[in-house]
Amino acid sequence: MTSKKLIYEQTMFKLLVDKTGILLSITTKSRAYFFFACTKLFGIRTAPTTDPYPGIVEVCQYEIPRIVQNWSKIANIKLKEKRRA
């Protein structure tokens, strides 16, 4: 039996709702802010923006528990810096 979940995405916003909780993500040019209200975490986390690469939510396949569990690994990914001409 698969669990139902709500996924709502706009340019700067993502909302995930499933049986484990709620995650709201707001992305700016340089930072992403994550507001968690779930069984494993109630709080706010920040991470660098990963554009143009897939973000934390996508990498974790829209699974809130996976995001919380892997946060220390995925929130500190060092991206290659753009070379200036």
Protein backbone atom coordinates (compact mmCIF):
# COMPACT_ATOMS: atom_id res chain seq x y z
CA MET A 1 0.00 0.00 0.00
CA THR A 2 1.47 3.34 -1.00
CA SER A 3 1.01 6.39 1.17
CA LYS A 4 -0.51 9.52 -0.27
CA LYS A 5 1.43 12.73 -0.34
CA LEU A 6 0.91 16.28 -1.52
CA ILE A 7 3.66 17.92 -3.55
CA TYR A 8 3.20 21.57 -4.54
CA GLU A 9 5.98 23.37 -6.41
CA GLN A 10 6.43 26.87 -7.70
CA THR A 11 9.61 28.69 -8.72
CA MET A 12 10.76 29.59 -5.21
CA PHE A 13 8.50 27.41 -3.06
CA LYS A 14 8.00 23.71 -2.39
CA LEU A 15 5.44 22.20 -0.05
CA LEU A 16 5.51 18.51 0.85
CA VAL A 17 2.85 16.92 3.03
CA ASP A 18 2.73 13.23 3.86
CA LYS A 19 1.94 10.98 6.81
CA THR A 20 5.28 11.84 8.49
CA GLY A 21 4.81 15.62 8.43
CA ILE A 22 5.12 18.85 6.50
CA LEU A 23 8.08 20.50 4.78
CA LEU A 24 8.04 24.01 3.33
CA SER A 25 11.07 25.08 1.30
CA ILE A 26 11.73 28.66 0.21
CA THR A 27 14.64 29.29 -2.16
CA THR A 28 16.47 32.56 -2.79
CA LYS A 29 19.41 33.22 -5.12
CA SER A 30 21.99 31.99 -2.63
CA ARG A 31 20.16 30.12 0.17
CA ALA A 32 17.32 27.66 0.66
CA TYR A 33 15.29 27.71 3.88
CA PHE A 34 13.53 24.56 5.06
CA PHE A 35 10.74 24.63 7.63
CA PHE A 36 10.13 21.15 9.07
CA ALA A 37 7.15 20.01 11.14
CA CYS A 38 7.48 16.24 11.09
CA THR A 39 7.93 13.22 13.35
CA LYS A 40 11.76 13.43 13.24
CA LEU A 41 12.30 17.21 13.34
CA PHE A 42 10.49 20.40 14.21
CA GLY A 43 12.58 23.37 13.16
CA ILE A 44 14.29 25.42 10.47
CA ARG A 45 17.38 24.53 8.45
CA THR A 46 19.28 26.43 5.76
CA ALA A 47 21.48 25.25 2.90
CA PRO A 48 23.22 26.78 -0.12
CA THR A 49 21.18 26.94 -3.31
CA THR A 50 22.21 24.25 -5.79
CA ASP A 51 20.99 25.81 -9.07
CA PRO A 52 21.25 24.62 -11.82
CA TYR A 53 21.67 21.19 -10.19
CA PRO A 54 18.81 19.25 -8.55
CA GLY A 55 18.01 20.49 -5.07
CA ILE A 56 17.85 18.68 -1.75
CA VAL A 57 14.16 17.82 -2.10
CA GLU A 58 14.67 16.33 -5.56
CA VAL A 59 17.82 14.41 -4.57
CA CYS A 60 15.87 12.82 -1.70
CA GLN A 61 12.99 11.93 -4.03
CA TYR A 62 10.48 14.15 -2.20
CA GLU A 63 10.70 12.00 0.97
CA ILE A 64 10.68 14.06 4.19
CA PRO A 65 12.27 11.35 6.40
CA ARG A 66 15.07 10.89 3.85
CA ILE A 67 15.76 14.64 3.82
CA VAL A 68 15.99 14.73 7.63
CA GLN A 69 18.11 11.57 7.82
CA ASN A 70 20.63 12.71 5.19
CA TRP A 71 20.67 16.43 6.04
CA SER A 72 24.29 16.61 7.24
CA LYS A 73 25.54 15.07 3.98
CA ILE A 74 23.34 16.86 1.46
CA ALA A 75 23.11 20.33 2.99
CA ASN A 76 26.85 20.98 2.76
CA ILE A 77 27.55 19.90 -0.80
CA LYS A 78 30.32 22.00 -2.30
CA LEU A 79 29.47 23.05 -5.83
CA LYS A 80 32.05 23.93 -8.43
CA GLU A 81 32.48 27.68 -8.65
CA LYS A 82 32.00 29.41 -11.96
CA ARG A 83 35.20 30.61 -13.58
CA ARG A 84 35.40 34.27 -14.29
CA ALA A 85 36.70 35.31 -17.67
